[in-house]
PDB file of N, CA and C in Angstrom:
ATOM      1  N   MET A   1       0.827  -1.198   0.000  1.00  0.00           N
ATOM      2  CA  MET A   1       0.000   0.000   0.000  1.00  0.00           C
ATOM      3  C   MET A   1       0.869   1.259   0.000  1.00  0.00           C
ATOM      4  N   LEU A   2       1.940   1.262   0.782  1.00  0.00           N
ATOM      5  CA  LEU A   2       2.816   2.427   0.818  1.00  0.00           C
ATOM      6  C   LEU A   2       3.526   2.636  -0.518  1.00  0.00           C
ATOM      7  N   ASN A   3       3.781   1.529  -1.222  1.00  0.00           N
ATOM      8  CA  ASN A   3       4.408   1.650  -2.530  1.00  0.00           C
ATOM      9  C   ASN A   3       3.489   2.377  -3.504  1.00  0.00           C
ATOM     10  N   ILE A   4       2.206   2.084  -3.459  1.00  0.00           N
ATOM     11  CA  ILE A   4       1.238   2.763  -4.336  1.00  0.00           C
ATOM     12  C   ILE A   4       1.166   4.249  -3.995  1.00  0.00           C
ATOM     13  N   VAL A   5       1.159   4.568  -2.717  1.00  0.00           N
ATOM     14  CA  VAL A   5       1.143   5.974  -2.293  1.00  0.00           C
ATOM     15  C   VAL A   5       2.404   6.677  -2.785  1.00  0.00           C
ATOM     16  N   SER A   6       3.543   6.000  -2.679  1.00  0.00           N
ATOM     17  CA  SER A   6       4.800   6.579  -3.138  1.00  0.00           C
ATOM     18  C   SER A   6       4.793   6.803  -4.645  1.00  0.00           C
ATOM     19  N   ILE A   7       4.240   5.872  -5.397  1.00  0.00           N
ATOM     20  CA  ILE A   7       4.151   6.046  -6.848  1.00  0.00           C
ATOM     21  C   ILE A   7       3.218   7.201  -7.194  1.00  0.00           C
ATOM     22  N   LEU A   8       2.107   7.330  -6.489  1.00  0.00           N
ATOM     23  CA  LEU A   8       1.194   8.456  -6.734  1.00  0.00           C
ATOM     24  C   LEU A   8       1.860   9.785  -6.426  1.00  0.00           C
ATOM     25  N   VAL A   9       2.619   9.847  -5.340  1.00  0.00           N
ATOM     26  CA  VAL A   9       3.364  11.071  -5.015  1.00  0.00           C
ATOM     27  C   VAL A   9       4.391  11.341  -6.113  1.00  0.00           C
ATOM     28  N   GLY A  10       5.010  10.290  -6.623  1.00  0.00           N
ATOM     29  CA  GLY A  10       5.963  10.446  -7.716  1.00  0.00           C
ATOM     30  C   GLY A  10       5.319  10.967  -8.983  1.00  0.00           C
ATOM     31  N   LEU A  11       4.114  10.519  -9.281  1.00  0.00           N
ATOM     32  CA  LEU A  11       3.415  11.017 -10.463  1.00  0.00           C
ATOM     33  C   LEU A  11       3.029  12.489 -10.315  1.00  0.00           C
ATOM     34  N   VAL A  12       2.635  12.883  -9.106  1.00  0.00           N
ATOM     35  CA  VAL A  12       2.357  14.301  -8.846  1.00  0.00           C
ATOM     36  C   VAL A  12       3.638  15.115  -9.000  1.00  0.00           C
ATOM     37  N   THR A  13       4.731  14.585  -8.485  1.00  0.00           N
ATOM     38  CA  THR A  13       6.025  15.254  -8.618  1.00  0.00           C
ATOM     39  C   THR A  13       6.410  15.393 -10.086  1.00  0.00           C
ATOM     40  N   LEU A  14       6.179  14.342 -10.855  1.00  0.00           N
ATOM     41  CA  LEU A  14       6.496  14.389 -12.284  1.00  0.00           C
ATOM     42  C   LEU A  14       5.657  15.431 -13.004  1.00  0.00           C
ATOM     43  N   ALA A  15       4.368  15.491 -12.709  1.00  0.00           N
ATOM     44  CA  ALA A  15       3.488  16.459 -13.365  1.00  0.00           C
ATOM     45  C   ALA A  15       3.908  17.894 -13.034  1.00  0.00           C
ATOM     46  N   LEU A  16       4.180  18.149 -11.761  1.00  0.00           N
ATOM     47  CA  LEU A  16       4.615  19.498 -11.373  1.00  0.00           C
ATOM     48  C   LEU A  16       6.003  19.808 -11.918  1.00  0.00           C
ATOM     49  N   GLY A  17       6.847  18.786 -11.979  1.00  0.00           N
ATOM     50  CA  GLY A  17       8.197  18.985 -12.489  1.00  0.00           C
ATOM     51  C   GLY A  17       8.227  19.287 -13.972  1.00  0.00           C
ATOM     52  N   LEU A  18       7.313  18.705 -14.731  1.00  0.00           N
ATOM     53  CA  LEU A  18       7.251  19.016 -16.154  1.00  0.00           C
ATOM     54  C   LEU A  18       6.857  20.471 -16.383  1.00  0.00           C
ATOM     55  N   VAL A  19       6.011  20.991 -15.520  1.00  0.00           N
ATOM     56  CA  VAL A  19       5.664  22.417 -15.605  1.00  0.00           C
ATOM     57  C   VAL A  19       6.893  23.260 -15.261  1.00  0.00           C
ATOM     58  N   ALA A  20       7.721  22.776 -14.353  1.00  0.00           N
ATOM     59  CA  ALA A  20       8.908  23.527 -13.933  1.00  0.00           C
ATOM     60  C   ALA A  20       9.976  23.570 -15.020  1.00  0.00           C
ATOM     61  N   PHE A  21       9.854  22.738 -16.066  1.00  0.00           N
ATOM     62  CA  PHE A  21      10.805  22.793 -17.169  1.00  0.00           C
ATOM     63  C   PHE A  21      10.544  23.978 -18.094  1.00  0.00           C
ATOM     64  N   VAL A  22       9.385  24.606 -17.983  1.00  0.00           N
ATOM     65  CA  VAL A  22       9.072  25.776 -18.797  1.00  0.00           C
ATOM     66  C   VAL A  22       9.984  26.926 -18.365  1.00  0.00           C
ATOM     67  N   PRO A  23      10.555  27.653 -19.322  1.00  0.00           N
ATOM     68  CA  PRO A  23      11.407  28.789 -18.948  1.00  0.00           C
ATOM     69  C   PRO A  23      10.669  29.773 -18.034  1.00  0.00           C
ATOM     70  N   LEU A  24      11.376  30.318 -17.098  1.00  0.00           N
ATOM     71  CA  LEU A  24      10.917  31.267 -16.085  1.00  0.00           C
ATOM     72  C   LEU A  24      10.074  30.616 -14.986  1.00  0.00           C
ATOM     73  N   LEU A  25       9.891  29.307 -15.037  1.00  0.00           N
ATOM     74  CA  LEU A  25       9.187  28.614 -13.956  1.00  0.00           C
ATOM     75  C   LEU A  25      10.121  27.641 -13.227  1.00  0.00           C
ATOM     76  N   GLY A  26      11.419  27.826 -13.382  1.00  0.00           N
ATOM     77  CA  GLY A  26      12.392  26.956 -12.733  1.00  0.00           C
ATOM     78  C   GLY A  26      12.354  27.038 -11.220  1.00  0.00           C
ATOM     79  N   TRP A  27      11.801  28.121 -10.685  1.00  0.00           N
ATOM     80  CA  TRP A  27      11.686  28.252  -9.231  1.00  0.00           C
ATOM     81  C   TRP A  27      10.784  27.174  -8.655  1.00  0.00           C
ATOM     82  N   MET A  28       9.920  26.588  -9.491  1.00  0.00           N
ATOM     83  CA  MET A  28       9.028  25.528  -9.005  1.00  0.00           C
ATOM     84  C   MET A  28       9.794  24.281  -8.580  1.00  0.00           C
ATOM     85  N   ASN A  29      11.050  24.137  -9.063  1.00  0.00           N
ATOM     86  CA  ASN A  29      11.848  22.992  -8.647  1.00  0.00           C
ATOM     87  C   ASN A  29      12.090  23.009  -7.142  1.00  0.00           C
ATOM     88  N   TRP A  30      12.126  24.196  -6.549  1.00  0.00           N
ATOM     89  CA  TRP A  30      12.276  24.294  -5.101  1.00  0.00           C
ATOM     90  C   TRP A  30      11.059  23.723  -4.382  1.00  0.00           C
ATOM     91  N   LEU A  31       9.917  23.669  -5.034  1.00  0.00           N
ATOM     92  CA  LEU A  31       8.718  23.063  -4.453  1.00  0.00           C
ATOM     93  C   LEU A  31       8.596  21.583  -4.811  1.00  0.00           C
ATOM     94  N   VAL A  32       9.091  21.214  -5.981  1.00  0.00           N
ATOM     95  CA  VAL A  32       8.943  19.839  -6.474  1.00  0.00           C
ATOM     96  C   VAL A  32       9.894  18.888  -5.748  1.00  0.00           C
ATOM     97  N   ILE A  33      11.108  19.312  -5.503  1.00  0.00           N
ATOM     98  CA  ILE A  33      12.102  18.432  -4.882  1.00  0.00           C
ATOM     99  C   ILE A  33      11.669  17.975  -3.490  1.00  0.00           C
ATOM    100  N   PRO A  34      11.167  18.838  -2.605  1.00  0.00           N
ATOM    101  CA  PRO A  34      10.694  18.331  -1.300  1.00  0.00           C
ATOM    102  C   PRO A  34       9.525  17.358  -1.403  1.00  0.00           C
ATOM    103  N   ILE A  35       8.654  17.537  -2.393  1.00  0.00           N
ATOM    104  CA  ILE A  35       7.565  16.572  -2.587  1.00  0.00           C
ATOM    105  C   ILE A  35       8.150  15.218  -2.960  1.00  0.00           C
ATOM    106  N   GLY A  36       9.167  15.221  -3.803  1.00  0.00           N
ATOM    107  CA  GLY A  36       9.833  13.977  -4.167  1.00  0.00           C
ATOM    108  C   GLY A  36      10.539  13.326  -2.989  1.00  0.00           C
ATOM    109  N   ILE A  37      11.076  14.133  -2.090  1.00  0.00           N
ATOM    110  CA  ILE A  37      11.729  13.593  -0.897  1.00  0.00           C
ATOM    111  C   ILE A  37      10.705  12.910  -0.002  1.00  0.00           C
ATOM    112  N   VAL A  38       9.537  13.503   0.126  1.00  0.00           N
ATOM    113  CA  VAL A  38       8.467  12.874   0.912  1.00  0.00           C
ATOM    114  C   VAL A  38       8.058  11.550   0.270  1.00  0.00           C
ATOM    115  N   GLY A  39       7.932  11.534  -1.055  1.00  0.00           N
ATOM    116  CA  GLY A  39       7.590  10.302  -1.754  1.00  0.00           C
ATOM    117  C   GLY A  39       8.654   9.229  -1.587  1.00  0.00           C
ATOM    118  N   ALA A  40       9.925   9.626  -1.608  1.00  0.00           N
ATOM    119  CA  ALA A  40      11.004   8.662  -1.418  1.00  0.00           C
ATOM    120  C   ALA A  40      10.992   8.114   0.006  1.00  0.00           C
ATOM    121  N   ALA A  41      10.648   8.953   0.972  1.00  0.00           N
ATOM    122  CA  ALA A  41      10.581   8.499   2.360  1.00  0.00           C
ATOM    123  C   ALA A  41       9.444   7.503   2.550  1.00  0.00           C
ATOM    124  N   VAL A  42       8.313   7.781   1.934  1.00  0.00           N
ATOM    125  CA  VAL A  42       7.191   6.836   2.010  1.00  0.00           C
ATOM    126  C   VAL A  42       7.564   5.539   1.298  1.00  0.00           C
ATOM    127  N   GLY A  43       8.245   5.640   0.164  1.00  0.00           N
ATOM    128  CA  GLY A  43       8.674   4.456  -0.563  1.00  0.00           C
ATOM    129  C   GLY A  43       9.705   3.641   0.197  1.00  0.00           C
ATOM    130  N   ALA A  44      10.512   4.300   1.018  1.00  0.00           N
ATOM    131  CA  ALA A  44      11.498   3.583   1.821  1.00  0.00           C
ATOM    132  C   ALA A  44      10.828   2.742   2.903  1.00  0.00           C
ATOM    133  N   LEU A  45       9.648   3.141   3.328  1.00  0.00           N
ATOM    134  CA  LEU A  45       8.917   2.382   4.339  1.00  0.00           C
ATOM    135  C   LEU A  45       8.210   1.168   3.742  1.00  0.00           C
ATOM    136  N   SER A  46       8.123   1.123   2.417  1.00  0.00           N
ATOM    137  CA  SER A  46       7.435   0.031   1.733  1.00  0.00           C
ATOM    138  C   SER A  46       8.373  -1.161   1.550  1.00  0.00           C
ATOM    139  N   SER A  47       7.786  -2.314   1.329  1.00  0.00           N
ATOM    140  CA  SER A  47       8.607  -3.504   1.085  1.00  0.00           C
ATOM    141  C   SER A  47       9.063  -3.600  -0.369  1.00  0.00           C
ATOM    142  N   HIS A  48       8.497  -2.801  -1.254  1.00  0.00           N
ATOM    143  CA  HIS A  48       8.890  -2.785  -2.663  1.00  0.00           C
ATOM    144  C   HIS A  48       9.706  -1.535  -2.942  1.00  0.00           C
ATOM    145  N   ASN A  49      10.434  -1.540  -4.049  1.00  0.00           N
ATOM    146  CA  ASN A  49      11.363  -0.443  -4.343  1.00  0.00           C
ATOM    147  C   ASN A  49      10.919   0.485  -5.462  1.00  0.00           C
ATOM    148  N   ALA A  50       9.852   0.172  -6.161  1.00  0.00           N
ATOM    149  CA  ALA A  50       9.488   0.934  -7.361  1.00  0.00           C
ATOM    150  C   ALA A  50       9.176   2.395  -7.047  1.00  0.00           C
ATOM    151  N   GLY A  51       8.372   2.659  -6.041  1.00  0.00           N
ATOM    152  CA  GLY A  51       8.015   4.035  -5.704  1.00  0.00           C
ATOM    153  C   GLY A  51       9.206   4.838  -5.222  1.00  0.00           C
ATOM    154  N   ARG A  52      10.033   4.212  -4.395  1.00  0.00           N
ATOM    155  CA  ARG A  52      11.225   4.902  -3.899  1.00  0.00           C
ATOM    156  C   ARG A  52      12.161   5.234  -5.044  1.00  0.00           C
ATOM    157  N   ASN A  53      12.385   4.269  -5.947  1.00  0.00           N
ATOM    158  CA  ASN A  53      13.294   4.495  -7.061  1.00  0.00           C
ATOM    159  C   ASN A  53      12.776   5.571  -8.005  1.00  0.00           C
ATOM    160  N   LEU A  54      11.472   5.585  -8.255  1.00  0.00           N
ATOM    161  CA  LEU A  54      10.876   6.622  -9.098  1.00  0.00           C
ATOM    162  C   LEU A  54      11.137   8.002  -8.508  1.00  0.00           C
ATOM    163  N   ASN A  55      10.898   8.145  -7.235  1.00  0.00           N
ATOM    164  CA  ASN A  55      11.081   9.445  -6.600  1.00  0.00           C
ATOM    165  C   ASN A  55      12.553   9.850  -6.545  1.00  0.00           C
ATOM    166  N   LEU A  56      13.451   8.907  -6.333  1.00  0.00           N
ATOM    167  CA  LEU A  56      14.878   9.239  -6.323  1.00  0.00           C
ATOM    168  C   LEU A  56      15.352   9.703  -7.692  1.00  0.00           C
ATOM    169  N   VAL A  57      14.868   9.056  -8.745  1.00  0.00           N
ATOM    170  CA  VAL A  57      15.236   9.479 -10.102  1.00  0.00           C
ATOM    171  C   VAL A  57      14.696  10.879 -10.382  1.00  0.00           C
ATOM    172  N   LEU A  58      13.471  11.139  -9.973  1.00  0.00           N
ATOM    173  CA  LEU A  58      12.885  12.469 -10.194  1.00  0.00           C
ATOM    174  C   LEU A  58      13.628  13.538  -9.400  1.00  0.00           C
ATOM    175  N   ILE A  59      14.034  13.225  -8.186  1.00  0.00           N
ATOM    176  CA  ILE A  59      14.796  14.188  -7.379  1.00  0.00           C
ATOM    177  C   ILE A  59      16.100  14.540  -8.081  1.00  0.00           C
ATOM    178  N   VAL A  60      16.800  13.535  -8.594  1.00  0.00           N
ATOM    179  CA  VAL A  60      18.077  13.781  -9.275  1.00  0.00           C
ATOM    180  C   VAL A  60      17.863  14.624 -10.535  1.00  0.00           C
ATOM    181  N   ILE A  61      16.844  14.295 -11.323  1.00  0.00           N
ATOM    182  CA  ILE A  61      16.589  15.040 -12.565  1.00  0.00           C
ATOM    183  C   ILE A  61      16.257  16.495 -12.262  1.00  0.00           C
ATOM    184  N   PHE A  62      15.369  16.727 -11.297  1.00  0.00           N
ATOM    185  CA  PHE A  62      14.952  18.105 -11.032  1.00  0.00           C
ATOM    186  C   PHE A  62      16.017  18.887 -10.280  1.00  0.00           C
ATOM    187  N   ALA A  63      16.849  18.226  -9.499  1.00  0.00           N
ATOM    188  CA  ALA A  63      17.977  18.915  -8.869  1.00  0.00           C
ATOM    189  C   ALA A  63      19.010  19.311  -9.921  1.00  0.00           C
ATOM    190  N   PHE A  64      19.219  18.447 -10.912  1.00  0.00           N
ATOM    191  CA  PHE A  64      20.128  18.777 -12.005  1.00  0.00           C
ATOM    192  C   PHE A  64      19.593  19.958 -12.804  1.00  0.00           C
ATOM    193  N   ARG A  65      18.294  19.979 -13.053  1.00  0.00           N
ATOM    194  CA  ARG A  65      17.674  21.106 -13.770  1.00  0.00           C
ATOM    195  C   ARG A  65      17.809  22.397 -12.972  1.00  0.00           C
ATOM    196  N   LEU A  66      17.649  22.284 -11.662  1.00  0.00           N
ATOM    197  CA  LEU A  66      17.808  23.462 -10.800  1.00  0.00           C
ATOM    198  C   LEU A  66      19.259  23.948 -10.828  1.00  0.00           C
ATOM    199  N   MET A  67      20.197  23.015 -10.857  1.00  0.00           N
ATOM    200  CA  MET A  67      21.600  23.375 -10.906  1.00  0.00           C
ATOM    201  C   MET A  67      21.946  24.050 -12.245  1.00  0.00           C
ATOM    202  N   LEU A  68      21.381  23.558 -13.337  1.00  0.00           N
ATOM    203  CA  LEU A  68      21.631  24.176 -14.648  1.00  0.00           C
ATOM    204  C   LEU A  68      21.088  25.595 -14.715  1.00  0.00           C
ATOM    205  N   GLY A  69      19.982  25.839 -14.039  1.00  0.00           N
ATOM    206  CA  GLY A  69      19.378  27.162 -14.042  1.00  0.00           C
ATOM    207  C   GLY A  69      20.027  28.135 -13.071  1.00  0.00           C
ATOM    208  N   GLY A  70      20.990  27.671 -12.292  1.00  0.00           N
ATOM    209  CA  GLY A  70      21.689  28.555 -11.362  1.00  0.00           C
ATOM    210  C   GLY A  70      21.065  28.607  -9.987  1.00  0.00           C
ATOM    211  N   GLY A  71      20.099  27.744  -9.706  1.00  0.00           N
ATOM    212  CA  GLY A  71      19.452  27.742  -8.394  1.00  0.00           C
ATOM    213  C   GLY A  71      20.288  27.109  -7.301  1.00  0.00           C
ATOM    214  N   ILE A  72      21.190  26.194  -7.700  1.00  0.00           N
ATOM    215  CA  ILE A  72      22.123  25.546  -6.773  1.00  0.00           C
ATOM    216  C   ILE A  72      23.516  25.767  -7.342  1.00  0.00           C
ATOM    217  N   LEU A  73      24.385  26.334  -6.542  1.00  0.00           N
ATOM    218  CA  LEU A  73      25.743  26.633  -7.063  1.00  0.00           C
ATOM    219  C   LEU A  73      26.677  25.505  -6.841  1.00  0.00           C
TER     220      LEU A  73
END
């Protein structure tokens, strides 16, 4: 059950993160990354790894995007 919740949180993170790829909306990555961290934490409590892995991949992608935009030095 926690894995499903983690995957749903990951899908919400993905949807919001795709909006954050639009130019001038990169600040949304500061909101998307913590949501992904919550999803990864919920996925870590699950016996399966799919939700946790999805959220970890999304965190890395959106942190890299934030770094490219100058949000993280």
